[in-house]
Amino acid sequence: MLLTVVAFIVALGLLIAVHEYGHYRVAVACGVKVLRFSVGFGKPLFTWRPKGSPTEFVLGAFPLGGYVRMLDEREAPVAPEERHLAFNTQPLRSRAAIVVAGPLANLLLAVLLYSIVNWNGVEEPKAVLASPVAGSVAHSAGLRGGELVQRAALGSEELEPVRSFEDLRWLLTRGALEGESVRLDVQPQTGAHREMVLDMSKIDSREADAQLFRKIGILGPWTRPVLGEVMPKGAAERAGLQQGDVVLKIGTTEVVDGQQLRELIRKSMQGNEPLSQPWLIDRAGHSLTLDVLPDAQPELGATVGRIGAYVGASPEFVTVEYGLFEGFWTGVVKTWDVSLLTLKMMGRMVIGEASLKNLSGPLTIADYAGRSASLGLTQYLVFLALISVSLGVLNLLPLPVLDGGHLMYYLWEGVTGKQVSDAWLERLQRGGVAVLLLMMSIALFNDITRLFG
């Protein structure tokens, strides 16, 4: 719990500070007087004014936002000798640059974070496929498990090398959410490599939930069908199973990998009642048959089998590392791809082609912050990059209370030569606040449903 809180506060503070620094830095460069730079709202916990600087730097008690307050005639009287330093007196291009600098700073931060991860190198599972879920897109395409994915592409794009299973997972996510087929160049365990096509149009991706990859059929990399830690008082312990047992057969079905074993356990049911079956296992070189009766547990409206043990060995890992330029360019491409996917998903939610259940709020972000931090610095940096992209894209939306709304005003001014009237500004501001509050309410409801439902 403490790690989750600390990871969340650090993430939020860093992303907000970078966003507001973008506004601040460009404002100063454009000759605008900045009165206050604040990270957080509410009672100031820390205040600092550098010698000779007009800017007061503040750390607020509630780190759920921030702001840069500039000299502006619309907010308070400005002395005639300082009028040239006011934000509202600047040319249109300067005002637009100051506003866009915040979201741009978040996107640049994401590029930097992705680049650091690429340069540092990370251990990721090798792109060897586990047995696909029966009836899934992958199963229908002819995949059977054990294939090494060497290259892949979305739609008609050129096939690109697949360095790890995480590369493949990202491509599958894009394909499913965009309704594009995914082409795979695979090397089976026996025989020559061949190209296979996953038809993602068969997937109803309106809800990008935990079941998305089950619909695709590729849940993880290939692993040995071995049992890990056995939980006390679980079905595995009652049946006499032990850590290190290799499962060879369940009933009359031969087990070839950990993913298939997990699926067989899930489906060891007769209606809502668990089904007892003989398991043929290899224990330290000796064959042994045990009758196993799983526990029945509810899952998303269905009942599945569980045995109370970790199933499947660790996958084979590869070190994914990039050179200086390649790592940076890969970071740019990843930031661009995530930004486009975020925009597409938001657009599909607006027109009803994607569920509003995909909106996430602070509780989900805090949960993922804690989980990623517990997995190590690399995963936490990837999490920060993803949230930084989301923050940058969200602020560019044409809502009056966001940076994108101000850019919308400036576009109107650039086309007509006239600023938006105060009356219209007030109406649009109210509408923007209403939309934003609605989005926040839906996101918070989704958070509570995910975490406590």
Foldseek 3Di string as FASTA:
>chain_A
DVLLVVLLLVLLQVLQLLLQVQLVVLLVVQQAQWQEWEQADDDFPDWDDPPPHNYIYTYHPGRPHIHIHTAACVVDNDDPVCPVNHLVVGDLVSNLSSLLRSLVSLLVLLLVLLLVLQAVWDKAFFQWFAAFQPPALCVVQPDGTRKGFQWKDWAPDDTDGDGHNVSVVVNLLVCLLVQTKMKTFIQHPDDGTDITIRRNVVDLVLEVDPCSVNNNGGDDHWFFFFWACADPPFQCVVQPHDHGKGWQDWAHRGDGTQVVVVVVQFPCDDAQAGHWTWTWIADPNDTDITITTFDWDDDPNGITGDGRTHTGDDGDIDIRHDDNVVSSVVSSVVLVVLLVSLVVSVVCCVVVSHPLLPAADSLVLSVCSSVQVVVHDSSNSNSSSNVSSVVSSVLLPCQCVGSVVVVVQSVVCVVPVDGDDPVVSVVSNVVSVVVVVVSNVSNVVSSCVVPPD
